[in-house]
C-alpha cells in the first residue's frame, strides 16, 4: 500500500482506532489516533524508520488495506485500542514491544479497591488472581495510560496505592469523640478531591462500589452505556429530591460528554517525528495600532494547509501584540468544530509563550507551545518552549511561523490599502 492509496479509505480527521490488514484481511497492527487521517498518513513519511523502527516499516510494506472506527474522544480510542489488541493479538503490536513491556490497569480485590497502573513484567511476576478484581490492557503507551487515569480520576475519584483506610474501630471512635486524638488526617489526594475519603472513613463501601463499577464500565469500552446509566440515576435522584447527589451525577455525565483529552496525544507526536502532525501558528500585524489583525496558519506533514488558514479582525486591544495574540487564540478555541493541533506556535518570546500557555490551561488543554524568537531583521533566532515538540518538528514549526507571518502581513496591508481608499 502506498500513500496515494489512502484516498480510497476516506479517513476522517476525528479520534479513533485504525487497523492495518494484509491481502488476506489478517490484522497486522492496531493503533489509536487523535486524527485518523493525519495519523495513518504519517506511516507513509520518508523517515518512518527513524521514528518507529524496522518492524513497523515491514508492517506497512505488507499492509493492503486499513479500516477504522471513529470515537468521541481520544480517551475512548485509547481504551478501544487496548481491548482490540487483547482480543486480536496483532503480530506487529506484540513484536514492537512484547507483552512484558505493555502496561495494564489493575483494580484490586479489596473492600475499597485500589486503581493501579502496572507494567507487564510486574503483573506477571508479582501479582496473582487472588489480588486482582479487574484487569484491563494491554496498553501500548504508558504515558497515555497514566494521563487517561488522571483524567478518569477527576471524574470518578478513587483510592490508589498511597491511600490506606483507617481501621473501622477508629472510624467509630472518631464519630463518637471527634477529638484530635482520634481524627483521621485526610491523604493529599483527598485534600485535592482525587480520593473520595476512603482514608478518613467518609466514603461508604456501597458508595465506593459504584465508583469501581463506573471505572470498570469505562475501561471495558462501555462509554455510551455508562453515560445512559448515569443519566438514569441522575433523574431518579432528582425525582427523589436528593439534589446534591443529582448534581454530582450531572457533573460526571457532562465530564464524560465533553472530555478534553489533548494530553493523551503526546505519545503520538513523539513516536512519529516526521509524521503528518497538525501544527498551528499564530501571528498579529498592525501599523501603530491601526487595522490590527491576527491569523492562524496550519502545517501538516511538512506542507502548508492553506484551506485551513483563518483570519481574525482584532477588536479588544490597540497597539498591544500580546493582547491581540490572546484574542486570536481565544476566538480560535471557541471553534470546537475545528481539529485541535498537536503543537501551537506563537511569534514572540517568553511573554507571548506564557500568555498562550495560560489561555490553554484555562480551558483545560495541554497542547505543547513553542515560541519563535526573532532578531532585529525579523529572522528566527531561536525556538523556546516545549523541547520535545521542538526536537520532533523544528522544520514544520519554522514553516508554520513563516506562513503565519506572511499571511498576517498580506491581510493587514490589504485592509490598510482599503481603508486609505475609503
Protein backbone atom coordinates (compact mmCIF):
# COMPACT_ATOMS: atom_id res chain seq x y z
CA UNK A 1 0.00 0.00 0.00
CA UNK A 2 1.25 3.49 -0.87
CA UNK A 3 0.42 6.97 0.39
CA UNK A 4 -1.78 7.73 -2.64
CA UNK A 5 -3.87 4.61 -1.87
CA UNK A 6 -5.19 6.23 1.33
CA UNK A 7 -7.70 8.34 -0.60
CA UNK A 8 -9.96 5.31 -1.15
CA UNK A 9 -10.34 4.72 2.61
CA UNK A 10 -11.80 8.21 3.28
CA UNK A 11 -10.16 8.59 6.69
CA UNK A 12 -11.75 11.33 8.85
CA UNK A 13 -9.99 13.96 10.99
CA UNK A 14 -11.52 12.56 14.18
CA UNK A 15 -10.24 10.44 17.07
CA UNK A 16 -10.48 6.70 16.74
CA UNK A 17 -8.64 3.44 16.12
CA UNK A 18 -7.10 2.24 12.84
CA UNK A 19 -6.32 -1.33 11.78
CA UNK A 20 -3.77 -2.30 9.11
CA UNK A 21 -4.58 -5.58 7.31
CA UNK A 22 -2.74 -7.66 4.70
CA UNK A 23 -4.16 -9.03 1.45
CA UNK A 24 -5.73 -11.96 3.26
CA UNK A 25 -7.51 -9.46 5.61
CA UNK A 26 -5.36 -10.63 8.50
CA UNK A 27 -4.90 -7.93 11.15
CA UNK A 28 -1.30 -6.73 11.28
CA UNK A 29 -1.40 -3.74 13.60
CA UNK A 30 -3.89 -1.73 15.69
CA UNK A 31 -3.34 1.86 16.81
CA UNK A 32 -5.17 4.88 18.20
CA UNK A 33 -5.25 8.40 16.82
CA UNK A 34 -6.36 11.89 17.64
CA UNK A 35 -6.85 12.47 13.91
CA UNK A 36 -7.25 9.23 11.96
CA UNK A 37 -6.40 10.91 8.66
CA UNK A 38 -3.18 12.51 9.94
CA UNK A 39 -2.04 9.51 11.94
CA UNK A 40 -2.42 6.91 9.19
CA UNK A 41 -0.81 9.29 6.67
CA UNK A 42 2.24 9.52 8.99
CA UNK A 43 3.06 5.84 8.29
CA UNK A 44 3.97 6.81 4.75
CA UNK A 45 6.51 9.52 5.60
CA UNK A 46 10.06 9.17 4.29
CA UNK A 47 11.64 8.90 7.75
CA UNK A 48 9.20 6.34 9.19
CA UNK A 49 12.07 4.01 10.09
CA UNK A 50 13.72 6.65 12.27
CA UNK A 51 10.53 7.22 14.22
CA UNK A 52 9.03 3.76 14.53
CA UNK A 53 11.66 1.11 13.74
CA UNK A 54 12.18 -1.65 11.18
CA UNK A 55 9.21 -3.74 12.36
CA UNK A 56 6.65 -1.05 11.59
CA UNK A 57 8.30 -0.35 8.22
CA UNK A 58 7.90 -4.06 7.38
CA UNK A 59 4.26 -3.96 8.52
CA UNK A 60 3.47 -1.03 6.21
CA UNK A 61 5.03 -2.91 3.29
CA UNK A 62 2.75 -5.89 3.97
CA UNK A 63 -0.38 -3.79 4.53
CA UNK A 64 -3.00 -3.88 1.79
CA UNK A 65 -5.86 -2.02 3.47
CA UNK A 66 -6.77 0.00 6.53
CA UNK A 67 -10.08 0.07 8.39
CA UNK A 68 -11.04 2.36 11.24
CA UNK A 69 -13.60 3.17 13.90
CA UNK A 70 -14.22 6.76 14.96
CA UNK A 71 -14.70 7.62 18.64
CA UNK A 72 -15.96 10.68 20.51
CA UNK A 73 -12.64 11.26 22.30
CA UNK A 74 -9.01 10.18 22.45
CA UNK A 75 -9.72 8.54 25.82
CA UNK A 76 -12.31 6.29 24.19
CA UNK A 77 -9.85 5.50 21.38
CA UNK A 78 -7.15 4.58 23.91
CA UNK A 79 -9.46 2.13 25.68
CA UNK A 80 -10.83 0.66 22.46
CA UNK A 81 -7.27 0.14 21.17
CA UNK A 82 -6.34 -1.84 24.30
CA UNK A 83 -9.46 -4.02 24.12
CA UNK A 84 -8.90 -4.81 20.43
CA UNK A 85 -5.20 -5.62 20.94
CA UNK A 86 -6.18 -8.02 23.73
CA UNK A 87 -8.79 -9.68 21.50
CA UNK A 88 -6.80 -9.98 18.25
CA UNK A 89 -3.13 -10.06 19.39
CA UNK A 90 -1.85 -8.35 16.20
CA UNK A 91 1.66 -9.62 15.38
CA UNK A 92 3.24 -6.20 14.88
CA UNK A 93 1.85 -4.80 18.12
CA UNK A 94 3.41 -7.71 20.01
CA UNK A 95 6.64 -7.64 18.01
CA UNK A 96 7.06 -3.91 18.59
CA UNK A 97 7.07 -4.17 22.38
CA UNK A 98 6.36 -7.64 23.80
CA UNK A 99 3.79 -8.47 26.48
CA UNK A 100 6.06 -7.67 29.43
CA UNK A 101 6.63 -4.12 28.15
CA UNK A 102 2.94 -3.30 27.86
CA UNK A 103 1.06 -1.50 30.61
CA UNK A 104 -2.04 -2.70 32.44
CA UNK A 105 -4.67 -1.19 34.71
CA UNK A 106 -5.47 -3.16 37.85
CA UNK A 107 -8.43 -2.83 40.23
CA UNK A 108 -7.53 -4.75 43.37
CA UNK A 109 -9.72 -7.28 45.17
CA UNK A 110 -10.36 -5.40 48.45
CA UNK A 111 -13.29 -3.80 50.27
CA UNK A 112 -12.09 -0.49 48.83
CA UNK A 113 -10.26 -1.50 45.62
CA UNK A 114 -7.19 0.47 44.57
CA UNK A 115 -6.73 1.55 40.95
CA UNK A 116 -3.12 0.99 39.87
CA UNK A 117 -1.11 1.11 36.63
CA UNK A 118 1.46 -1.71 36.41
CA UNK A 119 4.00 -2.88 33.83
CA UNK A 120 3.56 -6.29 32.25
CA UNK A 121 6.74 -7.69 33.80
CA UNK A 122 5.49 -6.67 37.25
CA UNK A 123 2.00 -8.03 36.62
CA UNK A 124 3.27 -11.44 35.53
CA UNK A 125 5.79 -11.85 38.38
CA UNK A 126 4.35 -10.07 41.44
CA UNK A 127 0.55 -10.32 41.12
CA UNK A 128 -1.80 -13.29 41.28
CA UNK A 129 -5.52 -13.77 40.61
CA UNK A 130 -6.48 -13.59 44.29
CA UNK A 131 -5.28 -9.95 44.39
CA UNK A 132 -6.98 -8.71 41.22
CA UNK A 133 -10.67 -7.87 40.88
CA UNK A 134 -10.48 -6.43 37.36
CA UNK A 135 -7.64 -6.20 34.83
CA UNK A 136 -7.53 -4.06 31.69
CA UNK A 137 -4.96 -3.93 28.92
CA UNK A 138 -2.50 -4.28 27.35
CA UNK A 139 -1.99 -0.56 26.72
CA UNK A 140 0.91 0.11 24.32
CA UNK A 141 1.62 3.66 25.55
CA UNK A 142 2.39 4.03 29.24
CA UNK A 143 2.38 7.82 29.13
CA UNK A 144 -1.06 7.94 27.55
CA UNK A 145 -2.46 5.42 30.04
CA UNK A 146 -1.20 7.45 33.01
CA UNK A 147 -2.74 10.61 31.55
CA UNK A 148 -6.00 8.72 30.95
CA UNK A 149 -6.11 7.52 34.57
CA UNK A 150 -5.58 11.11 35.77
CA UNK A 151 -8.44 12.21 33.52
CA UNK A 152 -10.76 9.47 34.78
CA UNK A 153 -9.82 10.22 38.39
CA UNK A 154 -11.10 13.79 38.06
CA UNK A 155 -14.48 12.34 37.06
CA UNK A 156 -14.57 9.33 39.41
CA UNK A 157 -12.20 9.93 42.39
CA UNK A 158 -10.68 6.65 43.60
CA UNK A 159 -8.20 5.17 46.04
CA UNK A 160 -4.68 4.44 44.79
CA UNK A 161 -1.69 2.62 46.28
CA UNK A 162 -0.79 5.57 48.54
CA UNK A 163 -4.15 5.70 50.35
CA UNK A 164 -4.63 3.42 53.37
CA UNK A 165 -8.07 3.27 55.05
CA UNK A 166 -8.19 3.82 58.79
CA UNK A 167 -9.33 0.81 60.88
CA UNK A 168 -13.11 0.59 61.25
CA UNK A 169 -12.83 0.85 65.03
CA UNK A 170 -11.03 4.16 64.62
CA UNK A 171 -13.93 5.39 62.49
CA UNK A 172 -16.32 4.59 65.34
CA UNK A 173 -14.16 6.38 67.89
CA UNK A 174 -13.87 9.34 65.55
CA UNK A 175 -17.63 9.57 65.19
CA UNK A 176 -18.12 9.39 68.96
CA UNK A 177 -15.47 11.77 70.22
CA UNK A 178 -14.31 13.79 67.15
CA UNK A 179 -11.26 14.77 69.16
CA UNK A 180 -7.88 15.49 67.59
CA UNK A 181 -6.62 12.29 69.18
CA UNK A 182 -8.90 10.17 67.04
CA UNK A 183 -9.46 12.31 63.96
CA UNK A 184 -8.03 10.78 60.79
CA UNK A 185 -5.90 13.08 58.70
CA UNK A 186 -7.04 13.03 55.06
CA UNK A 187 -4.46 11.99 52.47
CA UNK A 188 -3.20 14.52 49.96
CA UNK A 189 -5.41 13.10 47.20
CA UNK A 190 -8.46 13.60 49.42
CA UNK A 191 -7.45 17.20 50.04
CA UNK A 192 -7.35 17.92 46.29
CA UNK A 193 -10.52 15.95 45.50
CA UNK A 194 -8.89 12.94 43.82
CA UNK A 195 -9.89 10.47 46.61
CA UNK A 196 -13.48 10.18 47.92
CA UNK A 197 -12.34 9.95 51.55
CA UNK A 198 -11.61 6.26 51.99
CA UNK A 199 -8.72 7.15 54.30
CA UNK A 200 -10.95 9.17 56.65
CA UNK A 201 -13.99 6.91 56.60
CA UNK A 202 -16.14 9.49 54.77
CA UNK A 203 -16.85 7.15 51.85
CA UNK A 204 -19.11 4.13 52.46
CA UNK A 205 -18.32 0.76 50.94
CA UNK A 206 -21.56 0.73 48.89
CA UNK A 207 -20.86 4.22 47.54
CA UNK A 208 -17.31 3.33 46.59
CA UNK A 209 -18.54 0.16 44.85
CA UNK A 210 -20.49 2.41 42.45
CA UNK A 211 -17.28 4.27 41.60
CA UNK A 212 -15.50 0.99 40.86
CA UNK A 213 -18.38 -0.12 38.65
CA UNK A 214 -18.17 3.15 36.71
CA UNK A 215 -14.43 2.75 36.18
CA UNK A 216 -14.91 -0.89 35.16
CA UNK A 217 -17.56 0.03 32.58
CA UNK A 218 -15.40 2.85 31.26
CA UNK A 219 -12.31 0.66 30.69
CA UNK A 220 -14.47 -2.11 29.25
CA UNK A 221 -15.31 0.38 26.50
CA UNK A 222 -18.94 0.79 27.55
CA UNK A 223 -18.91 4.60 27.18
CA UNK A 224 -22.43 5.11 25.94
CA UNK A 225 -23.94 2.54 28.31
CA UNK A 226 -22.18 4.19 31.25
CA UNK A 227 -23.49 7.64 30.31
CA UNK A 228 -27.03 6.33 29.88
CA UNK A 229 -26.92 4.64 33.29
CA UNK A 230 -25.60 7.76 35.00
CA UNK A 231 -28.32 9.84 33.32
CA UNK A 232 -31.00 7.46 34.63
CA UNK A 233 -29.52 7.63 38.13
CA UNK A 234 -29.43 11.43 37.89
CA UNK A 235 -33.13 11.56 37.01
CA UNK A 236 -34.02 9.15 39.83
CA UNK A 237 -32.10 11.12 42.45
CA UNK A 238 -33.61 14.40 41.26
CA UNK A 239 -37.12 12.89 41.41
CA UNK A 240 -36.34 11.68 44.94
CA UNK A 241 -35.17 15.23 45.80
CA UNK A 242 -31.62 14.07 46.52
CA UNK A 243 -30.35 17.16 44.78
CA UNK A 244 -26.74 17.06 45.96
CA UNK A 245 -26.34 13.53 44.60
CA UNK A 246 -28.12 14.51 41.38
CA UNK A 247 -25.73 17.44 40.89
CA UNK A 248 -22.72 15.15 41.35
CA UNK A 249 -24.09 12.77 38.71
CA UNK A 250 -24.81 15.70 36.36
CA UNK A 251 -21.17 16.82 36.61
CA UNK A 252 -19.98 13.28 35.84
CA UNK A 253 -22.23 12.99 32.78
CA UNK A 254 -21.07 16.38 31.50
CA UNK A 255 -17.42 15.44 32.07
CA UNK A 256 -17.83 12.21 30.08
CA UNK A 257 -19.65 14.06 27.30
CA UNK A 258 -17.11 16.89 26.99
CA UNK A 259 -13.79 15.18 27.62
CA UNK A 260 -10.84 17.49 26.84
CA UNK A 261 -8.09 14.91 26.47
CA UNK A 262 -5.40 16.51 24.33
CA UNK A 263 -2.86 15.42 26.94
CA UNK A 264 -3.25 11.89 25.56
CA UNK A 265 -1.71 12.77 22.18
CA UNK A 266 1.87 13.23 23.37
CA UNK A 267 2.94 9.64 22.62
CA UNK A 268 1.79 10.16 19.03
CA UNK A 269 3.94 13.15 18.16
CA UNK A 270 6.94 11.69 19.97
CA UNK A 271 6.63 8.33 18.19
CA UNK A 272 6.48 9.68 14.64
CA UNK A 273 8.78 12.69 14.30
CA UNK A 274 8.32 13.02 10.57
CA UNK A 275 4.62 12.20 10.54
CA UNK A 276 1.65 14.27 9.40
CA UNK A 277 1.21 16.27 12.58
CA UNK A 278 -1.09 19.31 12.63
CA UNK A 279 0.78 22.42 13.76
CA UNK A 280 -0.97 25.76 14.15
CA UNK A 281 0.99 29.05 14.12
CA UNK A 282 -0.33 32.46 15.21
CA UNK A 283 0.86 35.96 14.41
CA UNK A 284 -0.52 39.51 14.53
CA UNK A 285 0.10 42.56 12.37
CA UNK A 286 -0.72 46.27 12.60
CA UNK A 287 0.72 49.70 11.87
CA UNK A 288 0.95 51.82 15.04
CA UNK A 289 -2.11 50.00 16.31
CA UNK A 290 -4.27 50.59 13.23
CA UNK A 291 -6.01 47.77 11.33
CA UNK A 292 -4.79 45.13 13.84
CA UNK A 293 -5.31 41.58 12.63
CA UNK A 294 -4.50 38.11 13.90
CA UNK A 295 -4.11 34.96 11.83
CA UNK A 296 -3.80 31.20 12.14
CA UNK A 297 -1.69 29.18 9.69
CA UNK A 298 -1.68 25.37 9.56
CA UNK A 299 1.11 22.98 8.54
CA UNK A 300 0.80 19.18 8.39
CA UNK A 301 3.37 16.71 7.12
CA UNK A 302 5.72 19.49 6.01
CA UNK A 303 3.05 21.12 3.82
CA UNK A 304 1.07 24.33 4.30
CA UNK A 305 -2.66 23.58 4.57
CA UNK A 306 -3.85 26.91 3.14
CA UNK A 307 -7.51 25.94 3.03
CA UNK A 308 -7.42 25.81 6.84
CA UNK A 309 -5.88 29.24 7.43
CA UNK A 310 -8.08 31.63 9.42
CA UNK A 311 -8.22 35.44 9.87
CA UNK A 312 -9.36 37.44 12.90
CA UNK A 313 -10.00 41.19 12.99
CA UNK A 314 -8.85 42.28 16.45
CA UNK A 315 -11.44 44.22 18.44
CA UNK A 316 -10.34 44.15 22.09
CA UNK A 317 -6.96 45.93 22.05
CA UNK A 318 -4.97 48.57 20.18
CA UNK A 319 -1.20 48.54 19.71
CA UNK A 320 -0.85 45.50 22.02
CA UNK A 321 0.74 42.45 20.37
CA UNK A 322 0.26 40.15 23.34
CA UNK A 323 -3.35 41.18 23.83
CA UNK A 324 -4.02 40.71 20.10
CA UNK A 325 -2.44 37.25 20.22
CA UNK A 326 -4.61 36.36 23.22
CA UNK A 327 -7.81 37.42 21.45
CA UNK A 328 -6.82 35.46 18.33
CA UNK A 329 -6.14 32.26 20.26
CA UNK A 330 -9.23 32.56 22.46
CA UNK A 331 -11.51 33.07 19.47
CA UNK A 332 -9.91 30.11 17.69
CA UNK A 333 -10.53 27.85 20.70
CA UNK A 334 -14.22 28.75 20.63
CA UNK A 335 -14.49 26.76 17.38
CA UNK A 336 -14.94 23.21 18.68
CA UNK A 337 -15.66 22.05 15.12
CA UNK A 338 -12.04 22.74 14.07
CA UNK A 339 -9.48 19.96 14.54
CA UNK A 340 -7.21 20.64 17.52
CA UNK A 341 -3.47 20.86 16.77
CA UNK A 342 -0.64 18.79 18.25
CA UNK A 343 1.62 21.86 18.59
CA UNK A 344 0.89 25.59 18.81
CA UNK A 345 3.46 28.12 17.58
CA UNK A 346 3.48 31.79 18.56
CA UNK A 347 5.59 34.58 17.13
CA UNK A 348 7.44 36.11 20.07
CA UNK A 349 9.43 35.49 23.21
CA UNK A 350 8.60 34.47 26.77
CA UNK A 351 5.71 36.89 27.25
CA UNK A 352 3.80 35.51 24.25
CA UNK A 353 4.67 31.95 25.25
CA UNK A 354 3.37 32.44 28.80
CA UNK A 355 0.15 34.09 27.61
CA UNK A 356 -0.64 31.33 25.14
CA UNK A 357 0.11 28.61 27.73
CA UNK A 358 -2.15 30.33 30.28
CA UNK A 359 -5.04 30.52 27.81
CA UNK A 360 -4.74 26.80 27.03
CA UNK A 361 -4.54 25.90 30.73
CA UNK A 362 -7.67 27.94 31.47
CA UNK A 363 -9.70 25.86 29.02
CA UNK A 364 -8.23 22.55 30.18
CA UNK A 365 -5.92 21.87 27.22
CA UNK A 366 -2.32 20.65 27.44
CA UNK A 367 -1.09 21.34 23.92
CA UNK A 368 2.69 21.95 23.63
CA UNK A 369 3.51 25.60 22.87
CA UNK A 370 6.62 26.84 21.03
CA UNK A 371 7.72 30.46 20.66
CA UNK A 372 9.78 31.70 17.71
CA UNK A 373 12.16 34.45 18.85
CA UNK A 374 13.25 36.81 16.06
CA UNK A 375 16.34 39.00 15.55
CA UNK A 376 16.33 42.71 14.58
CA UNK A 377 15.73 41.73 10.94
CA UNK A 378 12.71 39.59 11.96
CA UNK A 379 14.53 36.37 11.17
CA UNK A 380 14.15 33.31 13.50
CA UNK A 381 16.92 33.39 16.11
CA UNK A 382 15.82 30.61 18.48
CA UNK A 383 12.91 28.39 19.48
CA UNK A 384 11.68 28.32 23.08
CA UNK A 385 9.05 26.31 24.92
CA UNK A 386 8.27 22.60 24.68
CA UNK A 387 11.62 20.94 23.92
CA UNK A 388 10.18 17.60 22.75
CA UNK A 389 7.96 19.34 20.20
CA UNK A 390 10.92 21.45 19.02
CA UNK A 391 13.15 18.39 18.56
CA UNK A 392 10.46 16.46 16.71
CA UNK A 393 9.06 19.21 14.47
CA UNK A 394 11.57 22.07 14.11
CA UNK A 395 11.23 22.38 10.32
CA UNK A 396 7.42 22.34 10.40
CA UNK A 397 7.39 24.84 13.28
CA UNK A 398 9.56 27.30 11.30
CA UNK A 399 7.45 26.79 8.16
CA UNK A 400 4.22 27.39 10.09
CA UNK A 401 5.66 30.54 11.70
CA UNK A 402 6.81 31.90 8.32
CA UNK A 403 3.40 31.19 6.80
CA UNK A 404 1.59 32.91 9.69
CA UNK A 405 3.81 35.99 9.37
CA UNK A 406 3.33 36.16 5.58
CA UNK A 407 -0.43 35.69 5.88
CA UNK A 408 -0.78 38.31 8.63
CA UNK A 409 1.28 40.95 6.78
CA UNK A 410 -0.54 40.34 3.49
CA UNK A 411 -4.00 40.66 5.04
CA UNK A 412 -3.04 43.68 7.15
CA UNK A 413 -1.66 45.55 4.10
CA UNK A 414 -4.77 44.72 2.10
CA UNK A 415 -7.00 46.09 4.86
CA UNK A 416 -4.79 49.17 5.21
CA UNK A 417 -4.97 49.97 1.48
CA UNK A 418 -8.71 49.52 1.55
CA UNK A 419 -9.08 51.95 4.47
CA UNK A 420 -6.99 54.57 2.64
CA UNK A 421 -9.16 54.31 -0.49
CA UNK A 422 -12.32 54.62 1.55
